[in-house]
């Protein structure tokens, strides 16, 4: 099992784009028992990936509760770097 932050980054190499809620939903089967699989921690991991040039923001929207959902993607170079250092 990969560390949770690795799994979060790796998820972006498998989808066109995702928000924190999408990542949590995708990883909860394997990582649901991790205390860090909560929205604030996932957002922090995503933003760290963005700050390190691995992810980029694609769009944003308000959900039905009026909360902001920000979507990110791994661009070509970011996905290549993630895949180089985090094998399947």
PDB file of N, CA and C in Angstrom:
ATOM      1  N   UNK A   1       0.848  -1.176   0.000  1.00  0.00           N
ATOM      2  CA  UNK A   1       0.000   0.000   0.000  1.00  0.00           C
ATOM      3  C   UNK A   1       0.897   1.244   0.000  1.00  0.00           C
ATOM      4  N   UNK A   2       0.580   2.178  -0.869  1.00  0.00           N
ATOM      5  CA  UNK A   2       1.325   3.430  -0.969  1.00  0.00           C
ATOM      6  C   UNK A   2       0.944   4.366   0.181  1.00  0.00           C
ATOM      7  N   UNK A   3       1.837   5.289   0.535  1.00  0.00           N
ATOM      8  CA  UNK A   3       1.435   6.341   1.467  1.00  0.00           C
ATOM      9  C   UNK A   3       0.257   7.114   0.869  1.00  0.00           C
ATOM     10  N   UNK A   4      -0.604   7.631   1.707  1.00  0.00           N
ATOM     11  CA  UNK A   4      -1.822   8.305   1.247  1.00  0.00           C
ATOM     12  C   UNK A   4      -1.523   9.454   0.295  1.00  0.00           C
ATOM     13  N   UNK A   5      -0.538  10.286   0.608  1.00  0.00           N
ATOM     14  CA  UNK A   5      -0.228  11.411  -0.282  1.00  0.00           C
ATOM     15  C   UNK A   5       0.205  10.933  -1.658  1.00  0.00           C
ATOM     16  N   UNK A   6       0.915   9.816  -1.737  1.00  0.00           N
ATOM     17  CA  UNK A   6       1.287   9.240  -3.028  1.00  0.00           C
ATOM     18  C   UNK A   6       0.041   8.777  -3.771  1.00  0.00           C
ATOM     19  N   UNK A   7      -0.862   8.127  -3.060  1.00  0.00           N
ATOM     20  CA  UNK A   7      -2.092   7.634  -3.690  1.00  0.00           C
ATOM     21  C   UNK A   7      -2.936   8.797  -4.224  1.00  0.00           C
ATOM     22  N   UNK A   8      -2.949   9.905  -3.494  1.00  0.00           N
ATOM     23  CA  UNK A   8      -3.699  11.082  -3.951  1.00  0.00           C
ATOM     24  C   UNK A   8      -3.107  11.582  -5.258  1.00  0.00           C
ATOM     25  N   UNK A   9      -1.793  11.765  -5.310  1.00  0.00           N
ATOM     26  CA  UNK A   9      -1.153  12.219  -6.547  1.00  0.00           C
ATOM     27  C   UNK A   9      -1.360  11.226  -7.675  1.00  0.00           C
ATOM     28  N   UNK A  10      -1.202   9.957  -7.382  1.00  0.00           N
ATOM     29  CA  UNK A  10      -1.340   8.910  -8.405  1.00  0.00           C
ATOM     30  C   UNK A  10      -2.749   8.914  -8.991  1.00  0.00           C
ATOM     31  N   UNK A  11      -3.743   9.230  -8.181  1.00  0.00           N
ATOM     32  CA  UNK A  11      -5.126   9.276  -8.662  1.00  0.00           C
ATOM     33  C   UNK A  11      -5.261  10.251  -9.832  1.00  0.00           C
ATOM     34  N   UNK A  12      -4.541  11.346  -9.785  1.00  0.00           N
ATOM     35  CA  UNK A  12      -4.651  12.354 -10.841  1.00  0.00           C
ATOM     36  C   UNK A  12      -4.050  11.897 -12.163  1.00  0.00           C
ATOM     37  N   UNK A  13      -3.259  10.839 -12.147  1.00  0.00           N
ATOM     38  CA  UNK A  13      -2.721  10.294 -13.401  1.00  0.00           C
ATOM     39  C   UNK A  13      -3.718   9.335 -14.054  1.00  0.00           C
ATOM     40  N   UNK A  14      -4.790   9.026 -13.359  1.00  0.00           N
ATOM     41  CA  UNK A  14      -5.768   8.053 -13.850  1.00  0.00           C
ATOM     42  C   UNK A  14      -7.088   8.675 -14.270  1.00  0.00           C
ATOM     43  N   UNK A  15      -7.264   9.979 -13.993  1.00  0.00           N
ATOM     44  CA  UNK A  15      -8.523  10.659 -14.313  1.00  0.00           C
ATOM     45  C   UNK A  15      -8.222  11.956 -15.068  1.00  0.00           C
ATOM     46  N   UNK A  16      -9.235  12.450 -15.777  1.00  0.00           N
ATOM     47  CA  UNK A  16      -9.075  13.704 -16.515  1.00  0.00           C
ATOM     48  C   UNK A  16      -8.900  14.872 -15.543  1.00  0.00           C
ATOM     49  N   UNK A  17      -9.725  14.919 -14.503  1.00  0.00           N
ATOM     50  CA  UNK A  17      -9.650  15.937 -13.463  1.00  0.00           C
ATOM     51  C   UNK A  17     -10.401  15.414 -12.244  1.00  0.00           C
ATOM     52  N   UNK A  18     -10.144  16.042 -11.105  1.00  0.00           N
ATOM     53  CA  UNK A  18     -10.828  15.634  -9.877  1.00  0.00           C
ATOM     54  C   UNK A  18     -10.760  16.758  -8.855  1.00  0.00           C
ATOM     55  N   UNK A  19     -11.727  16.744  -7.949  1.00  0.00           N
ATOM     56  CA  UNK A  19     -11.713  17.645  -6.797  1.00  0.00           C
ATOM     57  C   UNK A  19     -11.444  16.790  -5.557  1.00  0.00           C
ATOM     58  N   UNK A  20     -11.321  17.422  -4.415  1.00  0.00           N
ATOM     59  CA  UNK A  20     -11.024  16.692  -3.179  1.00  0.00           C
ATOM     60  C   UNK A  20     -12.082  15.634  -2.884  1.00  0.00           C
ATOM     61  N   UNK A  21     -13.354  15.975  -3.107  1.00  0.00           N
ATOM     62  CA  UNK A  21     -14.419  15.000  -2.851  1.00  0.00           C
ATOM     63  C   UNK A  21     -14.283  13.776  -3.758  1.00  0.00           C
ATOM     64  N   UNK A  22     -13.902  13.998  -5.012  1.00  0.00           N
ATOM     65  CA  UNK A  22     -13.699  12.880  -5.942  1.00  0.00           C
ATOM     66  C   UNK A  22     -12.571  11.973  -5.466  1.00  0.00           C
ATOM     67  N   UNK A  23     -11.492  12.581  -5.003  1.00  0.00           N
ATOM     68  CA  UNK A  23     -10.339  11.818  -4.529  1.00  0.00           C
ATOM     69  C   UNK A  23     -10.726  10.982  -3.311  1.00  0.00           C
ATOM     70  N   UNK A  24     -11.423  11.586  -2.384  1.00  0.00           N
ATOM     71  CA  UNK A  24     -11.859  10.859  -1.181  1.00  0.00           C
ATOM     72  C   UNK A  24     -12.735   9.673  -1.564  1.00  0.00           C
ATOM     73  N   UNK A  25     -13.671   9.898  -2.451  1.00  0.00           N
ATOM     74  CA  UNK A  25     -14.564   8.822  -2.898  1.00  0.00           C
ATOM     75  C   UNK A  25     -13.778   7.690  -3.562  1.00  0.00           C
ATOM     76  N   UNK A  26     -12.816   8.057  -4.400  1.00  0.00           N
ATOM     77  CA  UNK A  26     -12.030   7.046  -5.120  1.00  0.00           C
ATOM     78  C   UNK A  26     -11.128   6.234  -4.193  1.00  0.00           C
ATOM     79  N   UNK A  27     -10.624   6.865  -3.135  1.00  0.00           N
ATOM     80  CA  UNK A  27      -9.647   6.196  -2.270  1.00  0.00           C
ATOM     81  C   UNK A  27     -10.239   5.598  -1.008  1.00  0.00           C
ATOM     82  N   UNK A  28     -11.512   5.855  -0.726  1.00  0.00           N
ATOM     83  CA  UNK A  28     -12.046   5.414   0.562  1.00  0.00           C
ATOM     84  C   UNK A  28     -12.093   3.893   0.716  1.00  0.00           C
ATOM     85  N   UNK A  29     -12.158   3.153  -0.360  1.00  0.00           N
ATOM     86  CA  UNK A  29     -12.141   1.696  -0.256  1.00  0.00           C
ATOM     87  C   UNK A  29     -10.854   1.172   0.354  1.00  0.00           C
ATOM     88  N   UNK A  30      -9.731   1.712  -0.098  1.00  0.00           N
ATOM     89  CA  UNK A  30      -8.426   1.247   0.382  1.00  0.00           C
ATOM     90  C   UNK A  30      -7.907   2.058   1.567  1.00  0.00           C
ATOM     91  N   UNK A  31      -8.239   3.350   1.600  1.00  0.00           N
ATOM     92  CA  UNK A  31      -7.671   4.242   2.606  1.00  0.00           C
ATOM     93  C   UNK A  31      -8.717   4.800   3.573  1.00  0.00           C
ATOM     94  N   UNK A  32      -9.919   4.277   3.570  1.00  0.00           N
ATOM     95  CA  UNK A  32     -10.994   4.804   4.397  1.00  0.00           C
ATOM     96  C   UNK A  32     -10.705   4.815   5.880  1.00  0.00           C
ATOM     97  N   UNK A  33      -9.825   3.944   6.333  1.00  0.00           N
ATOM     98  CA  UNK A  33      -9.490   3.892   7.762  1.00  0.00           C
ATOM     99  C   UNK A  33      -8.388   4.894   8.146  1.00  0.00           C
ATOM    100  N   UNK A  34      -7.822   5.594   7.177  1.00  0.00           N
ATOM    101  CA  UNK A  34      -6.788   6.602   7.459  1.00  0.00           C
ATOM    102  C   UNK A  34      -7.443   7.864   8.004  1.00  0.00           C
ATOM    103  N   UNK A  35      -6.910   8.374   9.096  1.00  0.00           N
ATOM    104  CA  UNK A  35      -7.441   9.611   9.671  1.00  0.00           C
ATOM    105  C   UNK A  35      -7.236  10.798   8.737  1.00  0.00           C
ATOM    106  N   UNK A  36      -6.214  10.744   7.886  1.00  0.00           N
ATOM    107  CA  UNK A  36      -5.892  11.855   6.990  1.00  0.00           C
ATOM    108  C   UNK A  36      -6.765  11.890   5.736  1.00  0.00           C
ATOM    109  N   UNK A  37      -7.635  10.900   5.559  1.00  0.00           N
ATOM    110  CA  UNK A  37      -8.519  10.915   4.389  1.00  0.00           C
ATOM    111  C   UNK A  37      -9.754  11.756   4.713  1.00  0.00           C
ATOM    112  N   UNK A  38      -9.497  12.982   5.058  1.00  0.00           N
ATOM    113  CA  UNK A  38     -10.532  13.975   5.345  1.00  0.00           C
ATOM    114  C   UNK A  38     -10.297  15.140   4.404  1.00  0.00           C
ATOM    115  N   UNK A  39     -11.349  15.865   4.114  1.00  0.00           N
ATOM    116  CA  UNK A  39     -11.283  16.912   3.099  1.00  0.00           C
ATOM    117  C   UNK A  39     -10.148  17.926   3.322  1.00  0.00           C
ATOM    118  N   UNK A  40      -9.963  18.473   4.515  1.00  0.00           N
ATOM    119  CA  UNK A  40      -8.874  19.454   4.686  1.00  0.00           C
ATOM    120  C   UNK A  40      -7.489  18.875   4.360  1.00  0.00           C
ATOM    121  N   UNK A  41      -7.231  17.650   4.778  1.00  0.00           N
ATOM    122  CA  UNK A  41      -5.927  17.031   4.527  1.00  0.00           C
ATOM    123  C   UNK A  41      -5.746  16.700   3.047  1.00  0.00           C
ATOM    124  N   UNK A  42      -6.815  16.271   2.398  1.00  0.00           N
ATOM    125  CA  UNK A  42      -6.747  15.967   0.966  1.00  0.00           C
ATOM    126  C   UNK A  42      -6.518  17.255   0.178  1.00  0.00           C
ATOM    127  N   UNK A  43      -7.211  18.315   0.534  1.00  0.00           N
ATOM    128  CA  UNK A  43      -7.003  19.611  -0.128  1.00  0.00           C
ATOM    129  C   UNK A  43      -5.551  20.057   0.048  1.00  0.00           C
ATOM    130  N   UNK A  44      -5.011  19.879   1.245  1.00  0.00           N
ATOM    131  CA  UNK A  44      -3.621  20.254   1.497  1.00  0.00           C
ATOM    132  C   UNK A  44      -2.665  19.449   0.613  1.00  0.00           C
ATOM    133  N   UNK A  45      -2.908  18.159   0.472  1.00  0.00           N
ATOM    134  CA  UNK A  45      -2.062  17.321  -0.375  1.00  0.00           C
ATOM    135  C   UNK A  45      -2.160  17.749  -1.841  1.00  0.00           C
ATOM    136  N   UNK A  46      -3.365  18.063  -2.288  1.00  0.00           N
ATOM    137  CA  UNK A  46      -3.557  18.513  -3.668  1.00  0.00           C
ATOM    138  C   UNK A  46      -2.835  19.840  -3.892  1.00  0.00           C
ATOM    139  N   UNK A  47      -2.986  20.756  -2.960  1.00  0.00           N
ATOM    140  CA  UNK A  47      -2.344  22.065  -3.107  1.00  0.00           C
ATOM    141  C   UNK A  47      -0.821  21.956  -3.049  1.00  0.00           C
ATOM    142  N   UNK A  48      -0.308  21.002  -2.295  1.00  0.00           N
ATOM    143  CA  UNK A  48       1.131  20.755  -2.281  1.00  0.00           C
ATOM    144  C   UNK A  48       1.581  20.250  -3.652  1.00  0.00           C
ATOM    145  N   UNK A  49       0.789  19.356  -4.237  1.00  0.00           N
ATOM    146  CA  UNK A  49       1.086  18.889  -5.593  1.00  0.00           C
ATOM    147  C   UNK A  49       1.073  20.031  -6.594  1.00  0.00           C
ATOM    148  N   UNK A  50       0.128  20.949  -6.432  1.00  0.00           N
ATOM    149  CA  UNK A  50       0.072  22.118  -7.322  1.00  0.00           C
ATOM    150  C   UNK A  50       1.293  23.024  -7.104  1.00  0.00           C
ATOM    151  N   UNK A  51       1.640  23.273  -5.853  1.00  0.00           N
ATOM    152  CA  UNK A  51       2.789  24.126  -5.543  1.00  0.00           C
ATOM    153  C   UNK A  51       4.088  23.536  -6.080  1.00  0.00           C
ATOM    154  N   UNK A  52       4.159  22.216  -6.159  1.00  0.00           N
ATOM    155  CA  UNK A  52       5.347  21.537  -6.666  1.00  0.00           C
ATOM    156  C   UNK A  52       5.313  21.340  -8.173  1.00  0.00           C
ATOM    157  N   UNK A  53       4.295  21.882  -8.826  1.00  0.00           N
ATOM    158  CA  UNK A  53       4.235  21.836 -10.285  1.00  0.00           C
ATOM    159  C   UNK A  53       3.739  20.530 -10.873  1.00  0.00           C
ATOM    160  N   UNK A  54       3.147  19.671 -10.050  1.00  0.00           N
ATOM    161  CA  UNK A  54       2.652  18.383 -10.538  1.00  0.00           C
ATOM    162  C   UNK A  54       1.197  18.440 -10.981  1.00  0.00           C
ATOM    163  N   UNK A  55       0.425  19.328 -10.386  1.00  0.00           N
ATOM    164  CA  UNK A  55      -0.998  19.467 -10.675  1.00  0.00           C
ATOM    165  C   UNK A  55      -1.289  20.911 -11.048  1.00  0.00           C
ATOM    166  N   UNK A  56      -2.398  21.096 -11.766  1.00  0.00           N
ATOM    167  CA  UNK A  56      -2.846  22.449 -12.070  1.00  0.00           C
ATOM    168  C   UNK A  56      -4.356  22.521 -11.933  1.00  0.00           C
ATOM    169  N   UNK A  57      -4.824  23.692 -11.545  1.00  0.00           N
ATOM    170  CA  UNK A  57      -6.254  23.930 -11.392  1.00  0.00           C
ATOM    171  C   UNK A  57      -6.897  23.975 -12.770  1.00  0.00           C
ATOM    172  N   UNK A  58      -8.064  23.322 -12.905  1.00  0.00           N
ATOM    173  CA  UNK A  58      -8.757  23.329 -14.193  1.00  0.00           C
ATOM    174  C   UNK A  58     -10.039  24.143 -14.160  1.00  0.00           C
ATOM    175  N   UNK A  59     -10.769  24.064 -13.063  1.00  0.00           N
ATOM    176  CA  UNK A  59     -12.028  24.800 -12.958  1.00  0.00           C
ATOM    177  C   UNK A  59     -12.502  24.778 -11.510  1.00  0.00           C
ATOM    178  N   UNK A  60     -13.578  25.517 -11.274  1.00  0.00           N
ATOM    179  CA  UNK A  60     -14.189  25.520  -9.939  1.00  0.00           C
ATOM    180  C   UNK A  60     -15.683  25.727 -10.092  1.00  0.00           C
ATOM    181  N   UNK A  61     -16.413  25.324  -9.058  1.00  0.00           N
ATOM    182  CA  UNK A  61     -17.864  25.478  -9.050  1.00  0.00           C
ATOM    183  C   UNK A  61     -18.353  25.439  -7.610  1.00  0.00           C
ATOM    184  N   UNK A  62     -19.577  25.880  -7.415  1.00  0.00           N
ATOM    185  CA  UNK A  62     -20.213  25.760  -6.105  1.00  0.00           C
ATOM    186  C   UNK A  62     -21.063  24.503  -6.104  1.00  0.00           C
ATOM    187  N   UNK A  63     -20.985  23.723  -5.022  1.00  0.00           N
ATOM    188  CA  UNK A  63     -21.830  22.535  -4.927  1.00  0.00           C
ATOM    189  C   UNK A  63     -23.220  22.931  -4.422  1.00  0.00           C
ATOM    190  N   UNK A  64     -24.066  21.943  -4.216  1.00  0.00           N
ATOM    191  CA  UNK A  64     -25.450  22.205  -3.796  1.00  0.00           C
ATOM    192  C   UNK A  64     -25.537  22.854  -2.413  1.00  0.00           C
ATOM    193  N   UNK A  65     -24.461  22.739  -1.619  1.00  0.00           N
ATOM    194  CA  UNK A  65     -24.424  23.367  -0.289  1.00  0.00           C
ATOM    195  C   UNK A  65     -23.794  24.758  -0.336  1.00  0.00           C
ATOM    196  N   UNK A  66     -23.394  25.193  -1.519  1.00  0.00           N
ATOM    197  CA  UNK A  66     -22.755  26.488  -1.663  1.00  0.00           C
ATOM    198  C   UNK A  66     -21.271  26.484  -1.332  1.00  0.00           C
ATOM    199  N   UNK A  67     -20.667  25.283  -1.225  1.00  0.00           N
ATOM    200  CA  UNK A  67     -19.238  25.175  -0.946  1.00  0.00           C
ATOM    201  C   UNK A  67     -18.459  25.131  -2.256  1.00  0.00           C
ATOM    202  N   UNK A  68     -17.308  25.771  -2.256  1.00  0.00           N
ATOM    203  CA  UNK A  68     -16.462  25.816  -3.433  1.00  0.00           C
ATOM    204  C   UNK A  68     -15.797  24.466  -3.661  1.00  0.00           C
ATOM    205  N   UNK A  69     -15.881  23.969  -4.888  1.00  0.00           N
ATOM    206  CA  UNK A  69     -15.195  22.745  -5.303  1.00  0.00           C
ATOM    207  C   UNK A  69     -14.199  23.147  -6.381  1.00  0.00           C
ATOM    208  N   UNK A  70     -12.928  22.905  -6.127  1.00  0.00           N
ATOM    209  CA  UNK A  70     -11.878  23.243  -7.079  1.00  0.00           C
ATOM    210  C   UNK A  70     -11.375  21.942  -7.698  1.00  0.00           C
ATOM    211  N   UNK A  71     -11.302  21.927  -9.015  1.00  0.00           N
ATOM    212  CA  UNK A  71     -10.865  20.748  -9.753  1.00  0.00           C
ATOM    213  C   UNK A  71      -9.431  20.944 -10.237  1.00  0.00           C
ATOM    214  N   UNK A  72      -8.673  19.862 -10.223  1.00  0.00           N
ATOM    215  CA  UNK A  72      -7.272  19.860 -10.638  1.00  0.00           C
ATOM    216  C   UNK A  72      -7.041  18.719 -11.601  1.00  0.00           C
ATOM    217  N   UNK A  73      -5.928  18.814 -12.331  1.00  0.00           N
ATOM    218  CA  UNK A  73      -5.504  17.725 -13.202  1.00  0.00           C
ATOM    219  C   UNK A  73      -3.991  17.637 -13.162  1.00  0.00           C
ATOM    220  N   UNK A  74      -3.486  16.483 -13.519  1.00  0.00           N
ATOM    221  CA  UNK A  74      -2.042  16.308 -13.686  1.00  0.00           C
ATOM    222  C   UNK A  74      -1.761  16.572 -15.161  1.00  0.00           C
ATOM    223  N   UNK A  75      -1.053  17.660 -15.457  1.00  0.00           N
ATOM    224  CA  UNK A  75      -0.686  17.948 -16.847  1.00  0.00           C
ATOM    225  C   UNK A  75       0.338  16.912 -17.304  1.00  0.00           C
ATOM    226  N   UNK A  76       0.698  16.951 -18.555  1.00  0.00           N
ATOM    227  CA  UNK A  76       1.550  15.902 -19.133  1.00  0.00           C
ATOM    228  C   UNK A  76       2.867  15.726 -18.376  1.00  0.00           C
ATOM    229  N   UNK A  77       3.572  16.810 -18.118  1.00  0.00           N
ATOM    230  CA  UNK A  77       4.841  16.712 -17.394  1.00  0.00           C
ATOM    231  C   UNK A  77       4.642  16.269 -15.946  1.00  0.00           C
ATOM    232  N   UNK A  78       3.580  16.791 -15.315  1.00  0.00           N
ATOM    233  CA  UNK A  78       3.292  16.403 -13.940  1.00  0.00           C
ATOM    234  C   UNK A  78       2.975  14.920 -13.829  1.00  0.00           C
ATOM    235  N   UNK A  79       2.154  14.422 -14.759  1.00  0.00           N
ATOM    236  CA  UNK A  79       1.799  12.997 -14.749  1.00  0.00           C
ATOM    237  C   UNK A  79       3.040  12.134 -14.988  1.00  0.00           C
ATOM    238  N   UNK A  80       3.919  12.577 -15.885  1.00  0.00           N
ATOM    239  CA  UNK A  80       5.145  11.816 -16.152  1.00  0.00           C
ATOM    240  C   UNK A  80       6.025  11.765 -14.910  1.00  0.00           C
ATOM    241  N   UNK A  81       6.131  12.872 -14.203  1.00  0.00           N
ATOM    242  CA  UNK A  81       6.937  12.911 -12.978  1.00  0.00           C
ATOM    243  C   UNK A  81       6.328  12.028 -11.893  1.00  0.00           C
ATOM    244  N   UNK A  82       5.020  12.139 -11.709  1.00  0.00           N
ATOM    245  CA  UNK A  82       4.343  11.295 -10.708  1.00  0.00           C
ATOM    246  C   UNK A  82       4.570   9.822 -11.028  1.00  0.00           C
ATOM    247  N   UNK A  83       4.372   9.446 -12.293  1.00  0.00           N
ATOM    248  CA  UNK A  83       4.519   8.039 -12.685  1.00  0.00           C
ATOM    249  C   UNK A  83       5.960   7.563 -12.577  1.00  0.00           C
ATOM    250  N   UNK A  84       6.917   8.474 -12.755  1.00  0.00           N
ATOM    251  CA  UNK A  84       8.330   8.103 -12.640  1.00  0.00           C
ATOM    252  C   UNK A  84       8.680   7.748 -11.200  1.00  0.00           C
ATOM    253  N   UNK A  85       8.179   8.534 -10.253  1.00  0.00           N
ATOM    254  CA  UNK A  85       8.559   8.347  -8.855  1.00  0.00           C
ATOM    255  C   UNK A  85       7.580   7.507  -8.033  1.00  0.00           C
ATOM    256  N   UNK A  86       6.369   7.342  -8.541  1.00  0.00           N
ATOM    257  CA  UNK A  86       5.380   6.530  -7.829  1.00  0.00           C
ATOM    258  C   UNK A  86       4.890   5.442  -8.785  1.00  0.00           C
ATOM    259  N   UNK A  87       5.494   4.274  -8.739  1.00  0.00           N
ATOM    260  CA  UNK A  87       5.077   3.201  -9.644  1.00  0.00           C
ATOM    261  C   UNK A  87       3.691   2.669  -9.289  1.00  0.00           C
ATOM    262  N   UNK A  88       3.092   1.993 -10.244  1.00  0.00           N
ATOM    263  CA  UNK A  88       1.759   1.394 -10.005  1.00  0.00           C
ATOM    264  C   UNK A  88       1.891   0.382  -8.937  1.00  0.00           C
TER     265      UNK A  88
END
